């Protein structure tokens, strides 16, 4: 554990991000709020790396076996590379919000290991939407499908910084949510999103119209995640690790919906 007085570097943040947001074996040298802040701002880099792996696998399968299987492969690889962390958070938040109980009871429901009917229904709908949207993109071309995977994975991690703004408290002590809650400035969150949008625009040059579609879809996805954040803060009093995971999946799904609607 580093001295809390030491200033965390971006390298500390990237190690923190890859170590907590992926299955990659990374030595996390600092586990504190300073490193957590850097990790949330730089989380889109994690999304680009994981998205690149999923996009490559999905494009290969789509090329050989068609868009629908390519879409399933991409979604499955992303889930595997994160241990299903964000999907688990999405299901827990759905159960908490759907319970209709006071904040304390809802948070207790979210912490339980089982998944209730709201969580199951939400997972089915979200995964179906992601696969259907990606199947359409891969059906147009393997390149467009791969870019859509990259956009969704990046947007998901952009959402994390917005969930950790200094104005947003933790809903309960302990856990990853409390570690990173309130650590990110609006400038930091905006910079991460802007940098991601520019990176996607540059990649979109390989597919013409995607130079505009990808950044716009990312902004739409991040906006959807912000709407969920507002609901969770009003309902639970703040964020938890589950809320951050739900925001990530919401941003990814919103991005894919936007890409589908943009043609």
Protein backbone atom coordinates (compact mmCIF):
# COMPACT_ATOMS: atom_id res chain seq x y z
CA UNK A 1 0.00 0.00 0.00
CA UNK A 2 1.45 3.32 -1.05
CA UNK A 3 1.75 6.31 1.21
CA UNK A 4 -1.63 8.10 0.99
CA UNK A 5 0.27 11.37 0.66
CA UNK A 6 1.94 10.25 -2.57
CA UNK A 7 0.36 11.41 -5.80
CA UNK A 8 -0.94 8.53 -7.89
CA UNK A 9 0.37 8.29 -11.44
CA UNK A 10 -1.59 7.40 -14.56
CA UNK A 11 0.31 4.11 -14.55
CA UNK A 12 -1.13 3.40 -11.09
CA UNK A 13 -4.57 4.21 -12.43
CA UNK A 14 -4.24 1.94 -15.47
CA UNK A 15 -3.03 -0.95 -13.32
CA UNK A 16 -5.92 -0.34 -10.93
CA UNK A 17 -8.34 -0.22 -13.87
CA UNK A 18 -7.12 -3.35 -15.63
CA UNK A 19 -6.80 -5.19 -12.32
CA UNK A 20 -10.36 -4.48 -11.19
CA UNK A 21 -12.25 -4.21 -14.49
CA UNK A 22 -10.84 -7.22 -16.32
CA UNK A 23 -9.58 -10.76 -15.84
CA UNK A 24 -6.09 -9.73 -16.96
CA UNK A 25 -3.46 -10.53 -14.39
CA UNK A 26 -2.12 -7.12 -13.41
CA UNK A 27 -0.17 -6.26 -10.30
CA UNK A 28 -2.10 -3.44 -8.61
CA UNK A 29 0.52 -1.43 -6.72
CA UNK A 30 -1.87 1.08 -5.20
CA UNK A 31 -5.33 0.39 -3.79
CA UNK A 32 -6.53 3.79 -2.64
CA UNK A 33 -8.82 6.59 -3.72
CA UNK A 34 -6.09 8.49 -5.54
CA UNK A 35 -5.35 5.51 -7.78
CA UNK A 36 -9.09 4.79 -8.07
CA UNK A 37 -9.69 8.30 -9.40
CA UNK A 38 -7.05 7.85 -12.09
CA UNK A 39 -8.50 4.43 -12.90
CA UNK A 40 -12.01 5.73 -13.50
CA UNK A 41 -10.82 8.56 -15.76
CA UNK A 42 -8.58 6.21 -17.76
CA UNK A 43 -11.12 3.36 -17.81
CA UNK A 44 -11.95 3.97 -21.51
CA UNK A 45 -8.45 2.69 -22.30
CA UNK A 46 -9.45 -0.58 -20.64
CA UNK A 47 -12.58 -0.55 -22.78
CA UNK A 48 -10.58 -0.09 -25.96
CA UNK A 49 -8.29 -3.00 -25.07
CA UNK A 50 -11.09 -5.39 -24.12
CA UNK A 51 -13.22 -4.16 -27.01
CA UNK A 52 -10.40 -4.82 -29.48
CA UNK A 53 -10.17 -8.45 -28.33
CA UNK A 54 -13.95 -8.92 -28.52
CA UNK A 55 -14.17 -7.11 -31.86
CA UNK A 56 -11.47 -9.30 -33.37
CA UNK A 57 -13.12 -12.50 -32.18
CA UNK A 58 -16.56 -11.36 -33.30
CA UNK A 59 -15.33 -10.25 -36.72
CA UNK A 60 -13.56 -13.56 -37.30
CA UNK A 61 -16.66 -15.59 -36.45
CA UNK A 62 -18.93 -13.25 -38.44
CA UNK A 63 -16.66 -13.63 -41.47
CA UNK A 64 -16.83 -17.42 -41.27
CA UNK A 65 -20.30 -18.08 -39.84
CA UNK A 66 -22.41 -14.93 -40.20
CA UNK A 67 -23.35 -11.81 -38.26
CA UNK A 68 -25.57 -13.33 -35.54
CA UNK A 69 -22.88 -15.75 -34.36
CA UNK A 70 -20.30 -13.00 -34.58
CA UNK A 71 -22.48 -10.83 -32.35
CA UNK A 72 -22.91 -13.61 -29.78
CA UNK A 73 -19.16 -14.19 -29.80
CA UNK A 74 -18.34 -10.52 -29.23
CA UNK A 75 -20.81 -10.18 -26.36
CA UNK A 76 -19.59 -13.45 -24.84
CA UNK A 77 -15.92 -12.47 -25.04
CA UNK A 78 -16.61 -9.11 -23.37
CA UNK A 79 -18.53 -10.86 -20.59
CA UNK A 80 -15.72 -13.36 -20.13
CA UNK A 81 -13.00 -10.70 -20.04
CA UNK A 82 -14.84 -8.93 -17.19
CA UNK A 83 -15.97 -12.07 -15.32
CA UNK A 84 -19.51 -10.87 -15.99
CA UNK A 85 -18.89 -8.11 -13.44
CA UNK A 86 -21.01 -5.45 -15.14
CA UNK A 87 -23.80 -7.86 -16.00
CA UNK A 88 -23.97 -8.97 -12.37
CA UNK A 89 -24.20 -5.33 -11.31
CA UNK A 90 -26.99 -4.72 -13.82
CA UNK A 91 -29.02 -7.64 -12.50
CA UNK A 92 -28.52 -6.56 -8.88
CA UNK A 93 -29.57 -2.97 -9.59
CA UNK A 94 -32.64 -4.19 -11.47
CA UNK A 95 -33.64 -6.27 -8.45
CA UNK A 96 -33.01 -3.36 -6.09
CA UNK A 97 -34.98 -0.85 -8.15
CA UNK A 98 -37.74 -3.33 -8.88
CA UNK A 99 -38.22 -4.32 -5.25
CA UNK A 100 -39.96 -1.06 -4.40
CA UNK A 101 -38.47 -1.27 -0.89
CA UNK A 102 -36.74 1.51 1.11
CA UNK A 103 -33.11 2.22 0.27
CA UNK A 104 -31.63 0.13 3.09
CA UNK A 105 -33.69 -2.94 2.16
CA UNK A 106 -33.04 -2.45 -1.56
CA UNK A 107 -29.29 -2.30 -0.95
CA UNK A 108 -29.50 -5.51 1.08
CA UNK A 109 -31.32 -7.20 -1.82
CA UNK A 110 -28.62 -6.03 -4.21
CA UNK A 111 -25.91 -7.52 -2.01
CA UNK A 112 -27.44 -10.99 -1.99
CA UNK A 113 -25.79 -13.60 -4.21
CA UNK A 114 -28.97 -14.78 -5.93
CA UNK A 115 -30.74 -13.06 -8.85
CA UNK A 116 -34.42 -12.21 -8.68
CA UNK A 117 -37.01 -12.01 -11.47
CA UNK A 118 -36.30 -8.35 -12.27
CA UNK A 119 -32.62 -9.13 -12.67
CA UNK A 120 -33.23 -12.14 -14.93
CA UNK A 121 -35.67 -10.22 -17.14
CA UNK A 122 -33.29 -7.27 -17.44
CA UNK A 123 -30.35 -9.49 -18.38
CA UNK A 124 -32.39 -11.28 -21.05
CA UNK A 125 -33.62 -8.03 -22.58
CA UNK A 126 -30.25 -6.25 -22.48
CA UNK A 127 -28.24 -9.15 -23.88
CA UNK A 128 -30.85 -9.75 -26.57
CA UNK A 129 -30.72 -6.07 -27.55
CA UNK A 130 -26.93 -6.05 -27.67
CA UNK A 131 -26.75 -9.20 -29.79
CA UNK A 132 -29.50 -8.06 -32.15
CA UNK A 133 -27.89 -4.65 -32.65
CA UNK A 134 -24.44 -6.13 -33.24
CA UNK A 135 -25.83 -8.75 -35.62
CA UNK A 136 -27.14 -5.93 -37.78
CA UNK A 137 -23.78 -4.17 -37.75
CA UNK A 138 -21.87 -7.34 -38.58
CA UNK A 139 -24.48 -8.07 -41.26
CA UNK A 140 -23.50 -4.82 -42.98
CA UNK A 141 -19.77 -5.57 -42.80
CA UNK A 142 -17.29 -7.18 -40.45
CA UNK A 143 -15.52 -3.83 -40.10
CA UNK A 144 -18.68 -2.01 -39.06
CA UNK A 145 -19.48 -4.76 -36.58
CA UNK A 146 -16.00 -4.61 -35.08
CA UNK A 147 -16.20 -0.82 -34.74
CA UNK A 148 -19.58 -1.15 -33.01
CA UNK A 149 -18.07 -3.53 -30.46
CA UNK A 150 -15.25 -1.07 -29.81
CA UNK A 151 -17.70 1.82 -29.41
CA UNK A 152 -19.90 -0.10 -26.96
CA UNK A 153 -16.97 -1.30 -24.84
CA UNK A 154 -15.47 2.18 -24.70
CA UNK A 155 -18.77 3.91 -23.88
CA UNK A 156 -19.32 1.44 -21.05
CA UNK A 157 -16.08 2.53 -19.38
CA UNK A 158 -16.69 6.23 -20.05
CA UNK A 159 -19.81 5.88 -17.92
CA UNK A 160 -17.75 4.87 -14.89
CA UNK A 161 -16.14 8.29 -14.54
CA UNK A 162 -19.54 10.02 -14.63
CA UNK A 163 -20.73 7.70 -11.89
CA UNK A 164 -17.79 8.72 -9.70
CA UNK A 165 -18.22 12.50 -9.88
CA UNK A 166 -17.42 14.35 -6.69
CA UNK A 167 -21.06 15.34 -6.35
CA UNK A 168 -22.15 11.68 -6.18
CA UNK A 169 -21.78 9.97 -2.76
CA UNK A 170 -21.36 6.30 -1.95
CA UNK A 171 -24.58 4.53 -0.97
CA UNK A 172 -22.80 2.44 1.66
CA UNK A 173 -19.29 2.06 3.09
CA UNK A 174 -16.92 -0.58 1.80
CA UNK A 175 -16.39 -2.17 -1.59
CA UNK A 176 -15.22 -0.78 -4.92
CA UNK A 177 -18.08 1.70 -5.07
CA UNK A 178 -17.05 3.43 -1.86
CA UNK A 179 -13.40 3.35 -2.93
CA UNK A 180 -14.01 5.35 -6.10
CA UNK A 181 -17.16 7.33 -5.28
CA UNK A 182 -16.68 11.11 -5.40
CA UNK A 183 -13.14 10.91 -6.81
CA UNK A 184 -13.59 12.32 -10.33
CA UNK A 185 -13.96 15.96 -11.34
CA UNK A 186 -16.40 16.96 -14.11
CA UNK A 187 -13.38 18.05 -16.18
CA UNK A 188 -11.79 14.62 -15.79
CA UNK A 189 -14.99 12.79 -16.79
CA UNK A 190 -15.52 15.10 -19.77
CA UNK A 191 -11.90 14.69 -20.87
CA UNK A 192 -12.18 10.90 -20.81
CA UNK A 193 -15.38 10.99 -22.86
CA UNK A 194 -14.02 13.54 -25.33
CA UNK A 195 -10.79 11.61 -25.80
CA UNK A 196 -12.79 8.43 -26.42
CA UNK A 197 -15.04 10.19 -28.93
CA UNK A 198 -12.03 11.48 -30.84
CA UNK A 199 -10.41 8.04 -30.85
CA UNK A 200 -13.59 6.46 -32.20
CA UNK A 201 -13.91 9.21 -34.82
CA UNK A 202 -10.38 8.43 -35.99
CA UNK A 203 -11.18 4.72 -36.23
CA UNK A 204 -14.41 5.60 -38.02
CA UNK A 205 -12.40 7.04 -40.89
CA UNK A 206 -11.95 3.45 -42.06
CA UNK A 207 -15.72 3.17 -42.55
CA UNK A 208 -16.70 6.58 -43.93
CA UNK A 209 -19.97 7.61 -42.26
CA UNK A 210 -18.87 5.97 -38.99
CA UNK A 211 -16.58 8.93 -38.33
CA UNK A 212 -19.75 10.69 -37.14
CA UNK A 213 -21.86 7.72 -36.06
CA UNK A 214 -19.42 6.33 -33.51
CA UNK A 215 -18.83 9.51 -31.42
CA UNK A 216 -22.52 10.39 -31.53
CA UNK A 217 -23.53 6.92 -30.40
CA UNK A 218 -21.00 7.06 -27.55
CA UNK A 219 -22.52 10.33 -26.32
CA UNK A 220 -26.02 8.81 -26.47
CA UNK A 221 -24.84 5.78 -24.51
CA UNK A 222 -23.18 7.93 -21.86
CA UNK A 223 -26.38 9.98 -21.61
CA UNK A 224 -28.43 6.83 -20.97
CA UNK A 225 -26.03 5.86 -18.20
CA UNK A 226 -26.39 9.32 -16.64
CA UNK A 227 -30.17 8.89 -16.55
CA UNK A 228 -29.75 5.60 -14.69
CA UNK A 229 -27.28 7.26 -12.31
CA UNK A 230 -29.81 9.92 -11.40
CA UNK A 231 -32.43 7.27 -10.68
CA UNK A 232 -30.06 5.24 -8.50
CA UNK A 233 -28.86 8.25 -6.51
CA UNK A 234 -32.46 9.24 -5.76
CA UNK A 235 -33.40 5.66 -4.90
CA UNK A 236 -30.32 4.42 -3.01
CA UNK A 237 -28.72 7.65 -1.85
CA UNK A 238 -25.57 7.16 -3.92
CA UNK A 239 -23.60 4.62 -5.91
CA UNK A 240 -22.29 1.13 -5.29
CA UNK A 241 -20.10 -1.10 -7.40
CA UNK A 242 -23.31 -2.65 -8.75
CA UNK A 243 -24.57 0.76 -9.87
CA UNK A 244 -21.33 1.37 -11.76
CA UNK A 245 -21.67 -2.01 -13.46
CA UNK A 246 -25.27 -1.26 -14.41
CA UNK A 247 -24.21 2.10 -15.81
CA UNK A 248 -21.57 0.39 -17.94
CA UNK A 249 -24.05 -2.06 -19.46
CA UNK A 250 -26.61 0.70 -19.97
CA UNK A 251 -24.05 2.84 -21.81
CA UNK A 252 -23.02 -0.09 -24.01
CA UNK A 253 -26.62 -0.93 -24.88
CA UNK A 254 -27.54 2.70 -25.52
CA UNK A 255 -24.55 3.05 -27.84
CA UNK A 256 -25.53 -0.02 -29.85
CA UNK A 257 -29.14 1.14 -30.06
CA UNK A 258 -27.96 4.51 -31.38
CA UNK A 259 -25.74 2.86 -33.99
CA UNK A 260 -28.66 0.71 -35.14
CA UNK A 261 -30.99 3.70 -35.40
CA UNK A 262 -28.38 5.73 -37.28
CA UNK A 263 -28.29 3.05 -39.98
